[in-house]
Amino acid sequence: MIEVIHKNWLNLFLAELHETNSIYLISPFVTRNIVDHLLNNGSAHIKLITRFNLNDFRSKVSSLSALKVLVEKGAEIKGIKNLHSKVYLFDSKSAIIGSANFTSGGFFNNYEFGIKTIDNKTIVKTLNYFNSLWSLSQEILTTQKIEEWENEIRKSRTVSKNDELPDYGQTASIQGSVKRKYFIKLFGKTEHRVDLNFTSKNEIERSHCHWALTFSGKKGRPRKYSDGDVVYMARMLHGTDYAIFGKAIALRHIDKRDVASESDIEEIDWKEDWPIYIRVQNPEFVDSSMRNCPKMSELINTLQYDSFDKTQRKYLNGDEDINVWASLRQQADVQLSEIAAEWLENKFQEARAKFGAISQTFIDNLYSGSPTLQEILNNE
């Protein structure tokens, strides 16, 4: 049996917690108010896998005080780098799997989606996944370690140019240890803004962003992208906002390979002025108008300085007078903070679930470069 969850997360969680002896939690972020609900509504033994990235605690997206009270109540806690899973397993009787972190945002404020299952095979596989992460580290979090981290965070705000605090989580070998970066590529010029009725299909047909993102090259080559980085695609709207309609996996720029060919320019004449590529693969698009896509304004209004890597670093270096929107001016792209990437991925997948995804058949019928990426890779 599978039950779909899109609201009332806390009530469902507490109902499953009733008469549970052991609860296994996987959540990148944890906050105190949800932990209090857990501790006030049962006596289950708690095992938690979360992140030990001190930047998360400093920016308050996750809470060290929440972890401390859990440890004081006997919970066992371990940390994994680059954790993204959200799993809540109640003995061997049920599991909740979805997008919601163990935070007030996840359980109350955000649009989240998931399932509850009592299927035995699914529960066994979920517990095996939990145990595979748990076995990566032998170290259980202590109150002494938390207090050391609290002191490290306090000191960090008084040290100049302290860009990033350590991540004390264990590296997971399940999917590798490469740290991805997350970008938003901005589409459109001031004189070419579109309205909310403009569709993702319109933009894909116009820009051919299903296989390459284009740059003028006037500010140099886009060398900040690495293989495997995630890039979201945002279309400039009338006014000041952007609609985020797509995402893909980037390939690093290679000088001779990633420029517009004569055939590309013949097919899309404006590529003569925008001939520099970041090629992409595995594209995903919301099959709707810009009206129904996540908006840049919502991201910035929600996260403020935590929206972008650059503004987050400025704040952590002591600059509290930050104009977040200014980060987008005269820019072809912008790098997201990890927190913003988490927020945006949830919003993007919610939009795809609600309005549908553009089919591979539609994409396959479009021009995809000459030579195509696959032809290039086959010859290298």
Protein backbone atom coordinates (compact mmCIF):
# COMPACT_ATOMS: atom_id res chain seq x y z
CA MET A 1 0.00 0.00 0.00
CA ILE A 2 1.26 3.46 -0.93
CA GLU A 3 -0.24 6.73 0.29
CA VAL A 4 0.67 9.99 -1.45
CA ILE A 5 1.67 12.88 0.84
CA HIS A 6 1.54 16.55 -0.09
CA LYS A 7 0.29 18.15 3.15
CA ASN A 8 -0.19 17.46 6.87
CA TRP A 9 3.35 16.08 7.12
CA LEU A 10 3.62 16.52 10.88
CA ASN A 11 0.30 14.86 11.66
CA LEU A 12 1.15 11.87 9.50
CA PHE A 13 4.64 11.64 11.00
CA LEU A 14 3.28 11.68 14.57
CA ALA A 15 0.64 9.08 13.72
CA GLU A 16 3.34 6.70 12.45
CA LEU A 17 5.50 7.47 15.49
CA HIS A 18 2.82 6.05 17.81
CA GLU A 19 3.93 2.68 19.20
CA THR A 20 7.23 2.82 17.31
CA ASN A 21 10.24 1.40 19.14
CA SER A 22 12.99 2.57 16.78
CA ILE A 23 12.87 5.42 14.28
CA TYR A 24 15.47 5.89 11.56
CA LEU A 25 15.72 9.40 10.11
CA ILE A 26 17.63 10.68 7.08
CA SER A 27 17.42 14.45 6.60
CA PRO A 28 20.08 16.92 5.41
CA PHE A 29 18.61 19.69 7.56
CA VAL A 30 17.06 19.51 11.04
CA THR A 31 15.46 22.26 13.14
CA ARG A 32 14.57 22.44 16.81
CA ASN A 33 10.79 22.83 16.62
CA ILE A 34 10.32 19.58 14.66
CA VAL A 35 12.74 17.77 16.97
CA ASP A 36 10.63 18.93 19.93
CA HIS A 37 7.55 17.37 18.32
CA LEU A 38 9.48 14.10 17.95
CA LEU A 39 10.67 14.07 21.55
CA ASN A 40 7.31 15.12 23.01
CA ASN A 41 5.33 12.41 21.22
CA GLY A 42 7.04 9.13 21.92
CA SER A 43 10.00 7.31 23.42
CA ALA A 44 11.39 5.57 20.36
CA HIS A 45 15.12 5.03 20.04
CA ILE A 46 16.35 7.50 17.43
CA LYS A 47 19.02 7.07 14.77
CA LEU A 48 19.58 10.14 12.58
CA ILE A 49 21.75 10.63 9.50
CA THR A 50 22.18 14.31 8.60
CA ARG A 51 24.84 16.75 7.39
CA PHE A 52 27.71 18.06 9.53
CA ASN A 53 28.49 21.03 7.24
CA LEU A 54 29.08 23.96 9.60
CA ASN A 55 27.96 26.41 6.91
CA ASP A 56 24.44 24.94 7.22
CA PHE A 57 24.42 25.63 10.96
CA ARG A 58 25.93 29.11 10.58
CA SER A 59 23.30 30.13 8.05
CA LYS A 60 20.62 28.55 10.31
CA VAL A 61 19.16 26.31 7.62
CA SER A 62 19.94 23.51 10.08
CA SER A 63 20.22 23.66 13.87
CA LEU A 64 23.04 22.52 16.15
CA SER A 65 20.79 23.06 19.17
CA ALA A 66 18.36 20.54 17.67
CA LEU A 67 21.14 17.98 17.35
CA LYS A 68 22.32 18.71 20.89
CA VAL A 69 18.93 18.07 22.47
CA LEU A 70 18.64 14.84 20.50
CA VAL A 71 22.04 13.65 21.72
CA GLU A 72 21.11 14.58 25.28
CA LYS A 73 18.00 12.39 24.94
CA GLY A 74 20.05 9.41 23.78
CA ALA A 75 19.76 9.69 20.01
CA GLU A 76 22.59 8.38 17.81
CA ILE A 77 23.60 10.79 15.04
CA LYS A 78 26.04 10.50 12.13
CA GLY A 79 26.91 12.92 9.32
CA ILE A 80 27.28 12.33 5.57
CA LYS A 81 28.65 14.85 3.06
CA ASN A 82 26.40 15.92 0.16
CA LEU A 83 23.38 14.21 1.73
CA HIS A 84 20.12 14.90 -0.11
CA SER A 85 17.82 11.98 0.85
CA LYS A 86 14.80 12.42 3.16
CA VAL A 87 13.61 9.18 4.74
CA TYR A 88 11.62 8.44 7.91
CA LEU A 89 11.46 4.73 8.81
CA PHE A 90 9.31 3.48 11.71
CA ASP A 91 10.55 0.09 12.96
CA SER A 92 9.86 -2.27 10.07
CA LYS A 93 6.20 -1.33 9.78
CA SER A 94 6.17 1.81 7.62
CA ALA A 95 8.32 4.39 5.87
CA ILE A 96 7.83 7.96 4.68
CA ILE A 97 9.96 8.89 1.68
CA GLY A 98 9.77 12.32 0.05
CA SER A 99 11.16 15.79 -0.41
CA ALA A 100 10.54 17.19 3.09
CA ASN A 101 13.48 17.92 5.40
CA PHE A 102 13.00 17.45 9.16
CA THR A 103 12.45 21.20 9.49
CA SER A 104 9.60 23.66 9.88
CA GLY A 105 10.03 24.55 6.20
CA GLY A 106 9.75 20.92 5.17
CA PHE A 107 6.82 20.05 7.44
CA PHE A 108 4.86 23.34 7.37
CA ASN A 109 5.94 25.99 4.85
CA ASN A 110 7.24 24.43 1.63
CA TYR A 111 5.39 22.60 -1.10
CA GLU A 112 6.64 19.05 -0.53
CA PHE A 113 5.72 15.70 -2.04
CA GLY A 114 6.26 12.11 -0.95
CA ILE A 115 4.77 8.74 -0.11
CA LYS A 116 4.05 6.58 2.92
CA THR A 117 4.42 2.86 2.37
CA ILE A 118 3.84 -0.31 4.37
CA ASP A 119 5.11 -2.57 1.59
CA ASN A 120 7.56 -4.98 3.20
CA LYS A 121 9.98 -5.18 0.24
CA THR A 122 10.19 -1.39 0.02
CA ILE A 123 10.76 -1.09 3.77
CA VAL A 124 13.55 -3.69 3.67
CA LYS A 125 15.27 -1.86 0.79
CA THR A 126 14.88 1.45 2.64
CA LEU A 127 16.42 0.02 5.81
CA ASN A 128 19.28 -1.43 3.77
CA TYR A 129 19.89 2.02 2.28
CA PHE A 130 19.90 3.56 5.76
CA ASN A 131 22.35 0.94 7.03
CA SER A 132 24.64 1.43 4.02
CA LEU A 133 24.99 5.12 4.93
CA TRP A 134 25.21 4.42 8.65
CA SER A 135 28.09 1.99 8.16
CA LEU A 136 30.26 4.63 6.46
CA SER A 137 31.26 6.14 9.79
CA GLN A 138 31.98 4.71 13.24
CA GLU A 139 31.80 8.08 14.99
CA ILE A 140 28.64 8.98 16.91
CA LEU A 141 28.02 12.68 17.53
CA THR A 142 28.63 13.90 21.10
CA THR A 143 27.64 17.04 22.98
CA GLN A 144 31.35 17.85 23.33
CA LYS A 145 31.77 17.82 19.55
CA ILE A 146 28.68 20.02 19.11
CA GLU A 147 30.08 22.56 21.58
CA GLU A 148 33.39 22.61 19.67
CA TRP A 149 31.49 23.32 16.46
CA GLU A 150 29.43 26.05 18.15
CA ASN A 151 32.65 27.74 19.19
CA GLU A 152 34.10 27.38 15.69
CA ILE A 153 31.02 29.02 14.19
CA ARG A 154 31.12 31.91 16.69
CA LYS A 155 34.75 32.60 15.85
CA SER A 156 34.11 32.43 12.10
CA ARG A 157 32.06 35.64 12.07
CA THR A 158 35.03 37.65 13.40
CA VAL A 159 37.65 36.33 10.96
CA SER A 160 38.02 38.24 7.68
CA LYS A 161 37.73 36.38 4.39
CA ASN A 162 36.57 33.22 6.06
CA ASP A 163 34.83 31.91 2.96
CA GLU A 164 33.74 28.48 4.07
CA LEU A 165 33.62 26.42 7.22
CA PRO A 166 34.48 22.69 7.23
CA ASP A 167 32.12 19.84 6.49
CA TYR A 168 32.77 17.15 9.11
CA GLY A 169 30.48 14.58 7.52
CA GLN A 170 31.71 11.26 6.20
CA THR A 171 32.25 11.00 2.43
CA ALA A 172 29.71 8.58 0.95
CA SER A 173 31.11 6.22 -1.67
CA ILE A 174 27.67 5.19 -2.94
CA GLN A 175 27.60 7.87 -5.65
CA GLY A 176 31.12 9.26 -5.41
CA SER A 177 32.54 12.26 -3.61
CA VAL A 178 32.58 14.84 -6.41
CA LYS A 179 31.01 18.08 -5.22
CA ARG A 180 28.62 19.51 -7.78
CA LYS A 181 28.07 23.20 -8.34
CA TYR A 182 24.64 24.59 -9.17
CA PHE A 183 24.00 27.44 -11.61
CA ILE A 184 21.14 29.38 -13.13
CA LYS A 185 21.71 30.32 -16.79
CA LEU A 186 19.82 33.50 -17.66
CA PHE A 187 18.03 33.68 -21.03
CA GLY A 188 16.96 36.83 -22.87
CA LYS A 189 18.06 40.44 -23.13
CA THR A 190 16.38 43.54 -21.75
CA GLU A 191 14.77 44.29 -25.10
CA HIS A 192 13.60 40.69 -25.56
CA ARG A 193 11.62 39.99 -22.40
CA VAL A 194 8.62 37.66 -22.63
CA ASP A 195 5.26 37.54 -20.87
CA LEU A 196 3.88 34.84 -18.59
CA ASN A 197 2.09 33.10 -21.47
CA PHE A 198 5.38 32.30 -23.22
CA THR A 199 5.93 28.54 -22.98
CA SER A 200 8.92 26.33 -22.27
CA LYS A 201 8.48 24.79 -25.72
CA ASN A 202 8.70 28.29 -27.25
CA GLU A 203 12.01 28.85 -25.47
CA ILE A 204 13.47 25.44 -26.33
CA GLU A 205 12.61 25.94 -30.02
CA ARG A 206 14.12 29.43 -29.91
CA SER A 207 17.33 28.75 -27.98
CA HIS A 208 17.92 25.01 -28.51
CA CYS A 209 18.82 24.83 -24.83
CA HIS A 210 18.12 21.09 -24.81
CA TRP A 211 21.67 20.49 -26.05
CA ALA A 212 23.74 23.64 -25.44
CA LEU A 213 23.68 26.89 -23.49
CA THR A 214 25.18 29.81 -25.37
CA PHE A 215 27.55 32.62 -24.36
CA SER A 216 28.87 35.57 -26.34
CA GLY A 217 32.46 35.01 -25.28
CA LYS A 218 32.96 38.75 -24.65
CA LYS A 219 33.78 38.05 -20.99
CA GLY A 220 35.90 35.01 -21.77
CA ARG A 221 35.07 31.32 -21.84
CA PRO A 222 32.70 29.77 -19.25
CA ARG A 223 35.39 27.78 -17.44
CA LYS A 224 33.69 27.64 -14.04
CA TYR A 225 31.50 24.72 -15.18
CA SER A 226 32.67 21.17 -14.48
CA ASP A 227 31.35 17.86 -15.78
CA GLY A 228 28.29 16.93 -13.72
CA ASP A 229 27.37 20.41 -12.52
CA VAL A 230 23.64 21.17 -12.50
CA VAL A 231 22.40 24.17 -14.44
CA TYR A 232 18.85 25.54 -14.24
CA MET A 233 17.47 27.67 -17.08
CA ALA A 234 15.65 30.95 -16.39
CA ARG A 235 13.82 33.16 -18.92
CA MET A 236 13.72 36.93 -18.43
CA LEU A 237 10.15 38.22 -18.04
CA HIS A 238 8.56 41.62 -18.47
CA GLY A 239 9.45 43.58 -15.36
CA THR A 240 12.41 42.27 -13.36
CA ASP A 241 11.59 38.62 -12.76
CA TYR A 242 12.77 35.34 -14.30
CA ALA A 243 10.91 32.04 -14.72
CA ILE A 244 12.95 28.86 -14.18
CA PHE A 245 11.67 26.43 -16.81
CA GLY A 246 14.39 23.81 -17.23
CA LYS A 247 17.49 22.09 -15.88
CA ALA A 248 20.24 19.87 -17.25
CA ILE A 249 23.65 18.38 -16.46
CA ALA A 250 26.57 20.46 -17.72
CA LEU A 251 29.74 19.34 -19.45
CA ARG A 252 32.89 21.41 -18.94
CA HIS A 253 33.80 23.77 -21.77
CA ILE A 254 36.45 22.53 -24.20
CA ASP A 255 37.76 25.26 -26.49
CA LYS A 256 37.78 23.57 -29.91
CA ARG A 257 34.79 21.36 -29.25
CA ASP A 258 32.32 23.80 -27.75
CA VAL A 259 31.84 26.48 -30.37
CA ALA A 260 29.07 26.93 -32.92
CA SER A 261 29.70 25.09 -36.18
CA GLU A 262 28.83 26.51 -39.59
CA SER A 263 25.79 24.23 -39.64
CA ASP A 264 24.69 25.50 -36.21
CA ILE A 265 24.87 29.12 -37.37
CA GLU A 266 23.05 28.28 -40.60
CA GLU A 267 20.26 26.70 -38.53
CA ILE A 268 20.21 29.44 -35.84
CA ASP A 269 21.69 32.64 -37.26
CA TRP A 270 22.01 34.52 -33.94
CA LYS A 271 24.61 31.94 -32.84
CA GLU A 272 27.11 33.88 -34.90
CA ASP A 273 27.06 36.42 -32.05
CA TRP A 274 26.63 33.78 -29.30
CA PRO A 275 28.95 30.98 -30.48
CA ILE A 276 30.38 29.70 -27.16
CA TYR A 277 28.77 26.62 -25.64
CA ILE A 278 28.28 24.81 -22.41
CA ARG A 279 26.90 21.55 -23.73
CA VAL A 280 24.28 19.80 -21.61
CA GLN A 281 22.73 16.38 -21.29
CA ASN A 282 19.70 14.84 -19.57
CA PRO A 283 17.57 17.99 -19.89
CA GLU A 284 14.28 18.32 -17.99
CA PHE A 285 11.63 20.96 -18.68
CA VAL A 286 8.30 22.03 -17.19
CA ASP A 287 5.69 21.54 -19.91
CA SER A 288 3.80 24.76 -19.31
CA SER A 289 3.93 28.52 -19.61
CA MET A 290 6.33 30.73 -17.66
CA ARG A 291 3.37 31.55 -15.41
CA ASN A 292 3.59 28.09 -13.84
CA CYS A 293 7.37 27.85 -13.45
CA PRO A 294 9.31 28.71 -10.27
CA LYS A 295 10.25 32.38 -10.10
CA MET A 296 13.53 34.01 -9.22
CA SER A 297 11.67 36.55 -7.09
CA GLU A 298 10.29 33.81 -4.85
CA LEU A 299 13.74 32.29 -4.41
CA ILE A 300 15.29 35.66 -3.48
CA ASN A 301 12.41 36.74 -1.24
CA THR A 302 12.62 33.44 0.63
CA LEU A 303 16.39 33.03 1.00
CA GLN A 304 17.73 36.59 0.64
CA TYR A 305 21.57 36.54 0.84
CA ASP A 306 21.51 32.71 0.94
CA SER A 307 20.22 32.69 -2.66
CA PHE A 308 23.57 32.77 -4.40
CA ASP A 309 27.05 31.56 -3.64
CA LYS A 310 28.48 35.08 -4.04
CA THR A 311 25.98 36.85 -1.78
CA GLN A 312 26.20 34.13 0.86
CA ARG A 313 29.97 34.51 0.97
CA LYS A 314 29.65 38.28 1.30
CA TYR A 315 27.34 37.88 4.26
CA LEU A 316 29.58 35.32 5.94
CA ASN A 317 32.47 37.76 5.53
CA GLY A 318 30.51 40.35 7.54
CA ASP A 319 28.78 42.35 4.78
CA GLU A 320 25.12 42.70 5.76
CA ASP A 321 24.21 45.42 3.24
CA ILE A 322 23.69 43.13 0.26
CA ASN A 323 21.58 43.81 -2.85
CA VAL A 324 20.83 40.26 -3.97
CA TRP A 325 19.18 41.30 -7.24
CA ALA A 326 22.35 43.16 -8.23
CA SER A 327 24.06 39.77 -8.63
CA LEU A 328 22.01 39.23 -11.80
CA ARG A 329 22.82 42.48 -13.57
CA GLN A 330 24.82 42.15 -16.78
CA GLN A 331 25.37 38.46 -16.03
CA ALA A 332 24.93 35.41 -18.24
CA ASP A 333 24.59 33.11 -15.25
CA VAL A 334 24.81 32.97 -11.47
CA GLN A 335 25.97 30.25 -9.08
CA LEU A 336 23.44 29.09 -6.47
CA SER A 337 24.27 28.38 -2.85
CA GLU A 338 23.71 24.76 -1.82
CA ILE A 339 20.73 25.85 0.25
CA ALA A 340 19.18 27.61 -2.74
CA ALA A 341 19.83 24.58 -4.95
CA GLU A 342 17.93 22.44 -2.45
CA TRP A 343 15.03 24.92 -2.39
CA LEU A 344 14.91 25.31 -6.17
CA GLU A 345 15.08 21.59 -6.91
CA ASN A 346 12.01 21.04 -4.71
CA LYS A 347 10.12 23.85 -6.48
CA PHE A 348 11.17 22.68 -9.92
CA GLN A 349 10.14 19.07 -9.35
CA GLU A 350 6.85 20.22 -7.86
CA ALA A 351 6.11 22.20 -11.04
CA ARG A 352 7.05 19.22 -13.25
CA ALA A 353 4.82 16.93 -11.20
CA LYS A 354 1.89 19.32 -11.41
CA PHE A 355 2.12 20.48 -15.04
CA GLY A 356 4.04 17.65 -16.65
CA ALA A 357 7.42 17.28 -18.30
CA ILE A 358 8.21 17.95 -21.94
CA SER A 359 8.47 14.62 -23.72
CA GLN A 360 11.63 13.15 -25.15
CA THR A 361 9.78 12.79 -28.46
CA PHE A 362 9.40 16.58 -28.70
CA ILE A 363 13.11 17.07 -27.94
CA ASP A 364 14.23 14.34 -30.36
CA ASN A 365 12.44 16.11 -33.22
CA LEU A 366 14.46 19.31 -32.72
CA TYR A 367 17.82 20.26 -34.21
CA SER A 368 20.53 19.09 -31.79
CA GLY A 369 23.75 20.51 -33.19
CA SER A 370 26.08 19.46 -35.97
CA PRO A 371 27.89 17.42 -34.93
CA THR A 372 25.74 16.29 -32.04
CA LEU A 373 27.28 15.81 -28.61
CA GLN A 374 27.01 12.04 -28.96
CA GLU A 375 28.86 12.15 -32.28
CA ILE A 376 31.59 14.28 -30.68
CA LEU A 377 31.99 11.99 -27.70
CA ASN A 378 32.07 8.89 -29.92
CA ASN A 379 34.97 10.36 -31.87
CA GLU A 380 37.02 11.48 -28.87
